[in-house]
Amino acid sequence: MTLHPERTIGELVAHHYRTAEVFSRHGIDFCCGGKRTLAKACAEKELAWETLSDELTQAIDAPEMPSQNTDKWAPDFLAEYIVQTHHQYLREALPLLRRYTAKIAGVHGSRHPELKVVEKQVELLAGDLLEHIDKEEHILFPYIKALCVARREHTRQPKMPFGSVENPIHVMENEHDYAGTLLENLRDLTNGFTPPADACATYIVTFSKLEELDNDLRWHVHLENNVLFPKVLLLEKLLEQQN
């Protein structure tokens, strides 16, 4: 297929999930940075357009599993999927990472002072994300489900105190950006989650779990910013026209 350099990263990943592997390989942010164009990503990474285009084309042409095509999922189903998979993962992983980072900072902090900063960044990230997913589950996602019911049953658009769904979505996207900044700090502090030669088993496991968190959260944020939120904004407009 022919790719246009002005197409956005997030749009491409939303329609062809295998392209996420290409962007990750080149260190290109496809979640919080999903609104950037392919041309801008190439310029930032000093990557030839032909190289990125060829790799993306190969990923797009590869067979995809229909069950993984999240762009086809209904918004309420996608929201519930995010809760049951990514939110549940965060509730399990973040307390563990808090303990692990505190432990290695206490044991190895004298030789690796950056671990104290890693511990602080994980504390900030955990506090932010756990509050963030609670707001999604109690405010935004119930409204998304109510919108879907109204659309299917041809009933009136539900009213919420925050006005348009665009308002809470804007808040969520800003919080995603903040979490993305903290993750970027962690990647820099840990040299891409690479443990040093003198790392103990807990040290190695902690960095591995941090990398796991990074990978999971990238996809989590992509599903919301680039797939769920655009679907919901369109759905609200359709209901306004219907009513």
C-alpha atoms as a PDB file:
ATOM      1  CA  MET A   1       0.000   0.000   0.000  1.00  0.00           C
ATOM      2  CA  THR A   2       1.017   3.656  -0.388  1.00  0.00           C
ATOM      3  CA  LEU A   3       1.585   5.569   2.825  1.00  0.00           C
ATOM      4  CA  HIS A   4       1.241   9.335   3.049  1.00  0.00           C
ATOM      5  CA  PRO A   5       3.799  11.120   5.263  1.00  0.00           C
ATOM      6  CA  GLU A   6       1.097  13.434   6.631  1.00  0.00           C
ATOM      7  CA  ARG A   7      -0.902  10.554   8.066  1.00  0.00           C
ATOM      8  CA  THR A   8      -0.827  10.489  11.868  1.00  0.00           C
ATOM      9  CA  ILE A   9       0.925   7.778  13.841  1.00  0.00           C
ATOM     10  CA  GLY A  10      -2.057   7.062  16.075  1.00  0.00           C
ATOM     11  CA  GLU A  11      -4.466   6.713  13.158  1.00  0.00           C
ATOM     12  CA  LEU A  12      -2.166   4.211  11.485  1.00  0.00           C
ATOM     13  CA  VAL A  13      -1.733   2.061  14.606  1.00  0.00           C
ATOM     14  CA  ALA A  14      -5.477   2.211  15.280  1.00  0.00           C
ATOM     15  CA  HIS A  15      -6.200   0.671  11.864  1.00  0.00           C
ATOM     16  CA  HIS A  16      -3.132  -1.596  11.656  1.00  0.00           C
ATOM     17  CA  TYR A  17      -1.995  -2.718  15.107  1.00  0.00           C
ATOM     18  CA  ARG A  18       1.134  -4.474  13.820  1.00  0.00           C
ATOM     19  CA  THR A  19       2.643  -1.103  12.900  1.00  0.00           C
ATOM     20  CA  ALA A  20       3.113  -0.476  16.640  1.00  0.00           C
ATOM     21  CA  GLU A  21       6.058  -2.888  16.544  1.00  0.00           C
ATOM     22  CA  VAL A  22       7.760  -0.776  13.874  1.00  0.00           C
ATOM     23  CA  PHE A  23       7.296   2.451  15.823  1.00  0.00           C
ATOM     24  CA  SER A  24       8.572   0.820  19.025  1.00  0.00           C
ATOM     25  CA  ARG A  25      11.627  -0.494  17.225  1.00  0.00           C
ATOM     26  CA  HIS A  26      12.558   3.043  16.199  1.00  0.00           C
ATOM     27  CA  GLY A  27      11.690   4.584  19.566  1.00  0.00           C
ATOM     28  CA  ILE A  28       8.708   6.478  18.118  1.00  0.00           C
ATOM     29  CA  ASP A  29       5.925   7.201  20.608  1.00  0.00           C
ATOM     30  CA  PHE A  30       2.621   5.961  19.146  1.00  0.00           C
ATOM     31  CA  CYS A  31       0.434   6.561  22.215  1.00  0.00           C
ATOM     32  CA  CYS A  32       0.773  10.055  23.725  1.00  0.00           C
ATOM     33  CA  GLY A  33       2.603  11.146  20.559  1.00  0.00           C
ATOM     34  CA  GLY A  34       0.043   9.573  18.273  1.00  0.00           C
ATOM     35  CA  LYS A  35      -1.193  12.876  16.853  1.00  0.00           C
ATOM     36  CA  ARG A  36       2.145  13.569  15.171  1.00  0.00           C
ATOM     37  CA  THR A  37       2.510  12.863  11.464  1.00  0.00           C
ATOM     38  CA  LEU A  38       4.771  10.176  10.049  1.00  0.00           C
ATOM     39  CA  ALA A  39       6.877  12.901   8.442  1.00  0.00           C
ATOM     40  CA  LYS A  40       7.434  14.624  11.773  1.00  0.00           C
ATOM     41  CA  ALA A  41       8.405  11.332  13.419  1.00  0.00           C
ATOM     42  CA  CYS A  42      10.990  10.716  10.704  1.00  0.00           C
ATOM     43  CA  ALA A  43      12.416  14.209  11.129  1.00  0.00           C
ATOM     44  CA  GLU A  44      12.657  13.861  14.916  1.00  0.00           C
ATOM     45  CA  LYS A  45      14.439  10.508  14.687  1.00  0.00           C
ATOM     46  CA  GLU A  46      16.524  11.481  11.635  1.00  0.00           C
ATOM     47  CA  LEU A  47      15.008   8.467   9.907  1.00  0.00           C
ATOM     48  CA  ALA A  48      14.662   8.235   6.138  1.00  0.00           C
ATOM     49  CA  TRP A  49      11.029   8.273   5.014  1.00  0.00           C
ATOM     50  CA  GLU A  50      11.682   5.409   2.606  1.00  0.00           C
ATOM     51  CA  THR A  51      12.983   3.221   5.457  1.00  0.00           C
ATOM     52  CA  LEU A  52       9.992   3.827   7.721  1.00  0.00           C
ATOM     53  CA  SER A  53       7.529   3.557   4.850  1.00  0.00           C
ATOM     54  CA  ASP A  54       8.921   0.193   3.731  1.00  0.00           C
ATOM     55  CA  GLU A  55       8.824  -1.260   7.253  1.00  0.00           C
ATOM     56  CA  LEU A  56       5.298   0.012   7.877  1.00  0.00           C
ATOM     57  CA  THR A  57       4.100  -1.384   4.565  1.00  0.00           C
ATOM     58  CA  GLN A  58       5.470  -4.813   5.466  1.00  0.00           C
ATOM     59  CA  ALA A  59       3.685  -4.659   8.830  1.00  0.00           C
ATOM     60  CA  ILE A  60       0.412  -3.578   7.217  1.00  0.00           C
ATOM     61  CA  ASP A  61       0.593  -6.317   4.577  1.00  0.00           C
ATOM     62  CA  ALA A  62       1.220  -9.030   7.196  1.00  0.00           C
ATOM     63  CA  PRO A  63      -1.875 -11.110   8.107  1.00  0.00           C
ATOM     64  CA  GLU A  64      -3.737  -9.705  11.089  1.00  0.00           C
ATOM     65  CA  MET A  65      -5.828 -11.580  13.622  1.00  0.00           C
ATOM     66  CA  PRO A  66      -9.414 -10.255  13.374  1.00  0.00           C
ATOM     67  CA  SER A  67      -9.812 -10.571  17.146  1.00  0.00           C
ATOM     68  CA  GLN A  68      -7.055  -7.984  17.635  1.00  0.00           C
ATOM     69  CA  ASN A  69      -8.575  -5.362  15.347  1.00  0.00           C
ATOM     70  CA  THR A  70      -9.675  -3.033  18.148  1.00  0.00           C
ATOM     71  CA  ASP A  71     -10.742  -0.388  15.644  1.00  0.00           C
ATOM     72  CA  LYS A  72     -13.799  -2.591  14.943  1.00  0.00           C
ATOM     73  CA  TRP A  73     -14.809  -2.928  18.602  1.00  0.00           C
ATOM     74  CA  ALA A  74     -17.788  -1.033  20.021  1.00  0.00           C
ATOM     75  CA  PRO A  75     -16.767   1.763  22.427  1.00  0.00           C
ATOM     76  CA  ASP A  76     -18.447   0.206  25.471  1.00  0.00           C
ATOM     77  CA  PHE A  77     -16.803  -3.163  24.784  1.00  0.00           C
ATOM     78  CA  LEU A  78     -13.419  -1.499  24.350  1.00  0.00           C
ATOM     79  CA  ALA A  79     -13.860   0.478  27.574  1.00  0.00           C
ATOM     80  CA  GLU A  80     -14.674  -2.707  29.488  1.00  0.00           C
ATOM     81  CA  TYR A  81     -11.712  -4.479  27.891  1.00  0.00           C
ATOM     82  CA  ILE A  82      -9.421  -1.678  29.074  1.00  0.00           C
ATOM     83  CA  VAL A  83     -10.785  -1.983  32.627  1.00  0.00           C
ATOM     84  CA  GLN A  84     -10.483  -5.759  32.788  1.00  0.00           C
ATOM     85  CA  THR A  85      -7.013  -5.971  31.250  1.00  0.00           C
ATOM     86  CA  HIS A  86      -4.993  -2.757  31.549  1.00  0.00           C
ATOM     87  CA  HIS A  87      -6.573  -1.304  34.686  1.00  0.00           C
ATOM     88  CA  GLN A  88      -6.389  -4.652  36.429  1.00  0.00           C
ATOM     89  CA  TYR A  89      -2.758  -4.991  35.392  1.00  0.00           C
ATOM     90  CA  LEU A  90      -1.911  -1.571  36.867  1.00  0.00           C
ATOM     91  CA  ARG A  91      -3.596  -2.389  40.172  1.00  0.00           C
ATOM     92  CA  GLU A  92      -1.448  -5.504  40.459  1.00  0.00           C
ATOM     93  CA  ALA A  93       1.838  -4.177  39.034  1.00  0.00           C
ATOM     94  CA  LEU A  94       2.140  -0.740  40.632  1.00  0.00           C
ATOM     95  CA  PRO A  95       2.172  -1.795  44.324  1.00  0.00           C
ATOM     96  CA  LEU A  96       4.762  -4.441  43.459  1.00  0.00           C
ATOM     97  CA  LEU A  97       6.945  -1.919  41.641  1.00  0.00           C
ATOM     98  CA  ARG A  98       6.704   0.470  44.580  1.00  0.00           C
ATOM     99  CA  ARG A  99       8.102  -2.216  46.868  1.00  0.00           C
ATOM    100  CA  TYR A 100      10.789  -3.366  44.459  1.00  0.00           C
ATOM    101  CA  THR A 101      12.090   0.105  43.621  1.00  0.00           C
ATOM    102  CA  ALA A 102      12.189   1.036  47.306  1.00  0.00           C
ATOM    103  CA  LYS A 103      14.128  -2.141  48.067  1.00  0.00           C
ATOM    104  CA  ILE A 104      16.804  -1.740  45.389  1.00  0.00           C
ATOM    105  CA  ALA A 105      17.159   1.970  46.181  1.00  0.00           C
ATOM    106  CA  GLY A 106      17.810   1.057  49.825  1.00  0.00           C
ATOM    107  CA  VAL A 107      20.309  -1.699  49.028  1.00  0.00           C
ATOM    108  CA  HIS A 108      22.081  -0.287  45.954  1.00  0.00           C
ATOM    109  CA  GLY A 109      21.409   3.445  46.235  1.00  0.00           C
ATOM    110  CA  SER A 110      24.892   4.292  47.517  1.00  0.00           C
ATOM    111  CA  ARG A 111      26.495   2.876  44.347  1.00  0.00           C
ATOM    112  CA  HIS A 112      23.655   3.822  42.013  1.00  0.00           C
ATOM    113  CA  PRO A 113      22.141   7.099  43.305  1.00  0.00           C
ATOM    114  CA  GLU A 114      19.812   7.265  40.308  1.00  0.00           C
ATOM    115  CA  LEU A 115      17.763   4.525  41.986  1.00  0.00           C
ATOM    116  CA  LYS A 116      16.494   7.038  44.534  1.00  0.00           C
ATOM    117  CA  VAL A 117      15.122   9.082  41.656  1.00  0.00           C
ATOM    118  CA  VAL A 118      13.661   5.930  40.072  1.00  0.00           C
ATOM    119  CA  GLU A 119      11.875   5.182  43.340  1.00  0.00           C
ATOM    120  CA  LYS A 120      10.411   8.711  43.432  1.00  0.00           C
ATOM    121  CA  GLN A 121       9.299   8.573  39.800  1.00  0.00           C
ATOM    122  CA  VAL A 122       7.535   5.244  40.402  1.00  0.00           C
ATOM    123  CA  GLU A 123       5.763   6.732  43.436  1.00  0.00           C
ATOM    124  CA  LEU A 124       4.547   9.661  41.340  1.00  0.00           C
ATOM    125  CA  LEU A 125       3.502   7.396  38.481  1.00  0.00           C
ATOM    126  CA  ALA A 126       1.638   4.970  40.730  1.00  0.00           C
ATOM    127  CA  GLY A 127      -0.252   7.705  42.554  1.00  0.00           C
ATOM    128  CA  ASP A 128      -1.202   9.412  39.304  1.00  0.00           C
ATOM    129  CA  LEU A 129      -2.282   6.279  37.454  1.00  0.00           C
ATOM    130  CA  LEU A 130      -4.342   4.760  40.255  1.00  0.00           C
ATOM    131  CA  GLU A 131      -6.278   8.007  40.643  1.00  0.00           C
ATOM    132  CA  HIS A 132      -6.587   8.290  36.866  1.00  0.00           C
ATOM    133  CA  ILE A 133      -8.130   4.848  36.325  1.00  0.00           C
ATOM    134  CA  ASP A 134     -10.584   5.433  39.186  1.00  0.00           C
ATOM    135  CA  LYS A 135     -11.842   8.578  37.420  1.00  0.00           C
ATOM    136  CA  GLU A 136     -12.217   6.673  34.171  1.00  0.00           C
ATOM    137  CA  GLU A 137     -14.148   3.848  35.818  1.00  0.00           C
ATOM    138  CA  HIS A 138     -16.476   6.105  37.825  1.00  0.00           C
ATOM    139  CA  ILE A 139     -17.004   9.072  35.486  1.00  0.00           C
ATOM    140  CA  LEU A 140     -15.951   8.689  31.855  1.00  0.00           C
ATOM    141  CA  PHE A 141     -16.514   5.011  31.106  1.00  0.00           C
ATOM    142  CA  PRO A 142     -20.055   4.837  32.566  1.00  0.00           C
ATOM    143  CA  TYR A 143     -20.981   7.765  30.313  1.00  0.00           C
ATOM    144  CA  ILE A 144     -19.457   5.987  27.321  1.00  0.00           C
ATOM    145  CA  LYS A 145     -21.577   2.926  28.077  1.00  0.00           C
ATOM    146  CA  ALA A 146     -24.694   5.114  28.444  1.00  0.00           C
ATOM    147  CA  LEU A 147     -23.975   6.709  25.049  1.00  0.00           C
ATOM    148  CA  CYS A 148     -23.726   3.266  23.457  1.00  0.00           C
ATOM    149  CA  VAL A 149     -27.025   2.163  24.984  1.00  0.00           C
ATOM    150  CA  ALA A 150     -28.723   5.337  23.746  1.00  0.00           C
ATOM    151  CA  ARG A 151     -27.388   4.792  20.238  1.00  0.00           C
ATOM    152  CA  ARG A 152     -28.475   1.136  20.096  1.00  0.00           C
ATOM    153  CA  GLU A 153     -31.927   1.707  21.627  1.00  0.00           C
ATOM    154  CA  HIS A 154     -32.571   5.017  19.831  1.00  0.00           C
ATOM    155  CA  THR A 155     -33.168   6.848  23.100  1.00  0.00           C
ATOM    156  CA  ARG A 156     -32.142  10.360  24.107  1.00  0.00           C
ATOM    157  CA  GLN A 157     -28.532  11.254  24.717  1.00  0.00           C
ATOM    158  CA  PRO A 158     -27.694  10.991  28.450  1.00  0.00           C
ATOM    159  CA  LYS A 159     -26.859  14.248  30.243  1.00  0.00           C
ATOM    160  CA  MET A 160     -23.810  14.601  32.439  1.00  0.00           C
ATOM    161  CA  PRO A 161     -22.597  17.522  34.591  1.00  0.00           C
ATOM    162  CA  PHE A 162     -19.346  17.854  32.632  1.00  0.00           C
ATOM    163  CA  GLY A 163     -21.166  18.830  29.421  1.00  0.00           C
ATOM    164  CA  SER A 164     -19.630  17.333  26.295  1.00  0.00           C
ATOM    165  CA  VAL A 165     -17.563  14.163  26.612  1.00  0.00           C
ATOM    166  CA  GLU A 166     -14.779  16.218  25.037  1.00  0.00           C
ATOM    167  CA  ASN A 167     -14.135  17.809  28.452  1.00  0.00           C
ATOM    168  CA  PRO A 168     -13.245  14.670  30.464  1.00  0.00           C
ATOM    169  CA  ILE A 169     -11.406  13.259  27.448  1.00  0.00           C
ATOM    170  CA  HIS A 170      -9.193  16.353  27.387  1.00  0.00           C
ATOM    171  CA  VAL A 171      -8.422  15.827  31.081  1.00  0.00           C
ATOM    172  CA  MET A 172      -7.602  12.155  30.529  1.00  0.00           C
ATOM    173  CA  GLU A 173      -5.305  12.954  27.607  1.00  0.00           C
ATOM    174  CA  ASN A 174      -3.412  15.505  29.698  1.00  0.00           C
ATOM    175  CA  GLU A 175      -2.961  12.907  32.430  1.00  0.00           C
ATOM    176  CA  HIS A 176      -1.742  10.413  29.841  1.00  0.00           C
ATOM    177  CA  ASP A 177       0.868  12.965  28.766  1.00  0.00           C
ATOM    178  CA  TYR A 178       2.037  13.364  32.366  1.00  0.00           C
ATOM    179  CA  ALA A 179       2.337   9.595  32.819  1.00  0.00           C
ATOM    180  CA  GLY A 180       4.213   9.416  29.527  1.00  0.00           C
ATOM    181  CA  THR A 181       6.699  12.005  30.788  1.00  0.00           C
ATOM    182  CA  LEU A 182       7.314   9.980  33.951  1.00  0.00           C
ATOM    183  CA  LEU A 183       7.862   6.836  31.880  1.00  0.00           C
ATOM    184  CA  GLU A 184      10.302   8.684  29.655  1.00  0.00           C
ATOM    185  CA  ASN A 185      12.190   9.762  32.771  1.00  0.00           C
ATOM    186  CA  LEU A 186      12.329   6.140  33.920  1.00  0.00           C
ATOM    187  CA  ARG A 187      13.642   4.977  30.559  1.00  0.00           C
ATOM    188  CA  ASP A 188      16.408   7.590  30.724  1.00  0.00           C
ATOM    189  CA  LEU A 189      17.301   6.885  34.349  1.00  0.00           C
ATOM    190  CA  THR A 190      17.555   3.133  33.754  1.00  0.00           C
ATOM    191  CA  ASN A 191      19.350   3.300  30.401  1.00  0.00           C
ATOM    192  CA  GLY A 192      16.384   1.756  28.654  1.00  0.00           C
ATOM    193  CA  PHE A 193      15.648  -0.588  31.571  1.00  0.00           C
ATOM    194  CA  THR A 194      19.115  -2.133  31.299  1.00  0.00           C
ATOM    195  CA  PRO A 195      20.442  -3.311  34.695  1.00  0.00           C
ATOM    196  CA  PRO A 196      24.149  -2.727  35.458  1.00  0.00           C
ATOM    197  CA  ALA A 197      26.713  -5.521  35.706  1.00  0.00           C
ATOM    198  CA  ASP A 198      26.535  -5.612  39.517  1.00  0.00           C
ATOM    199  CA  ALA A 199      22.736  -5.917  39.649  1.00  0.00           C
ATOM    200  CA  CYS A 200      21.260  -8.520  41.985  1.00  0.00           C
ATOM    201  CA  ALA A 201      18.252 -10.683  41.091  1.00  0.00           C
ATOM    202  CA  THR A 202      15.748  -8.215  42.550  1.00  0.00           C
ATOM    203  CA  TYR A 203      17.426  -5.371  40.665  1.00  0.00           C
ATOM    204  CA  ILE A 204      17.120  -7.296  37.376  1.00  0.00           C
ATOM    205  CA  VAL A 205      13.509  -8.281  38.037  1.00  0.00           C
ATOM    206  CA  THR A 206      12.597  -4.683  38.912  1.00  0.00           C
ATOM    207  CA  PHE A 207      13.966  -3.336  35.649  1.00  0.00           C
ATOM    208  CA  SER A 208      12.212  -6.114  33.749  1.00  0.00           C
ATOM    209  CA  LYS A 209       8.915  -5.226  35.449  1.00  0.00           C
ATOM    210  CA  LEU A 210       9.452  -1.540  34.662  1.00  0.00           C
ATOM    211  CA  GLU A 211       9.910  -2.386  31.001  1.00  0.00           C
ATOM    212  CA  GLU A 212       6.780  -4.544  31.129  1.00  0.00           C
ATOM    213  CA  LEU A 213       4.860  -1.604  32.601  1.00  0.00           C
ATOM    214  CA  ASP A 214       6.217   0.693  29.908  1.00  0.00           C
ATOM    215  CA  ASN A 215       5.091  -1.635  27.119  1.00  0.00           C
ATOM    216  CA  ASP A 216       1.655  -2.256  28.619  1.00  0.00           C
ATOM    217  CA  LEU A 217       0.981   1.410  29.299  1.00  0.00           C
ATOM    218  CA  ARG A 218       1.984   2.433  25.787  1.00  0.00           C
ATOM    219  CA  TRP A 219      -0.676   0.126  24.327  1.00  0.00           C
ATOM    220  CA  HIS A 220      -3.182   1.093  27.030  1.00  0.00           C
ATOM    221  CA  VAL A 221      -2.832   4.803  26.247  1.00  0.00           C
ATOM    222  CA  HIS A 222      -2.919   4.135  22.502  1.00  0.00           C
ATOM    223  CA  LEU A 223      -6.235   2.288  22.850  1.00  0.00           C
ATOM    224  CA  GLU A 224      -7.738   5.256  24.645  1.00  0.00           C
ATOM    225  CA  ASN A 225      -6.195   8.234  22.822  1.00  0.00           C
ATOM    226  CA  ASN A 226      -6.249   6.853  19.291  1.00  0.00           C
ATOM    227  CA  VAL A 227      -9.130   4.356  19.248  1.00  0.00           C
ATOM    228  CA  LEU A 228     -11.656   4.804  22.078  1.00  0.00           C
ATOM    229  CA  PHE A 229     -11.749   8.589  22.412  1.00  0.00           C
ATOM    230  CA  PRO A 230     -12.234   9.342  18.681  1.00  0.00           C
ATOM    231  CA  LYS A 231     -15.021   6.735  18.567  1.00  0.00           C
ATOM    232  CA  VAL A 232     -16.780   8.310  21.551  1.00  0.00           C
ATOM    233  CA  LEU A 233     -16.505  11.875  20.220  1.00  0.00           C
ATOM    234  CA  LEU A 234     -18.077  10.727  16.958  1.00  0.00           C
ATOM    235  CA  LEU A 235     -20.796   8.788  18.802  1.00  0.00           C
ATOM    236  CA  GLU A 236     -21.776  11.842  20.857  1.00  0.00           C
ATOM    237  CA  LYS A 237     -22.087  13.945  17.688  1.00  0.00           C
ATOM    238  CA  LEU A 238     -24.257  11.282  16.048  1.00  0.00           C
ATOM    239  CA  LEU A 239     -26.560  11.232  19.063  1.00  0.00           C
ATOM    240  CA  GLU A 240     -26.814  15.027  19.035  1.00  0.00           C
ATOM    241  CA  GLN A 241     -27.912  14.865  15.408  1.00  0.00           C
ATOM    242  CA  GLN A 242     -30.355  12.036  16.197  1.00  0.00           C
ATOM    243  CA  ASN A 243     -31.993  14.031  18.985  1.00  0.00           C
END
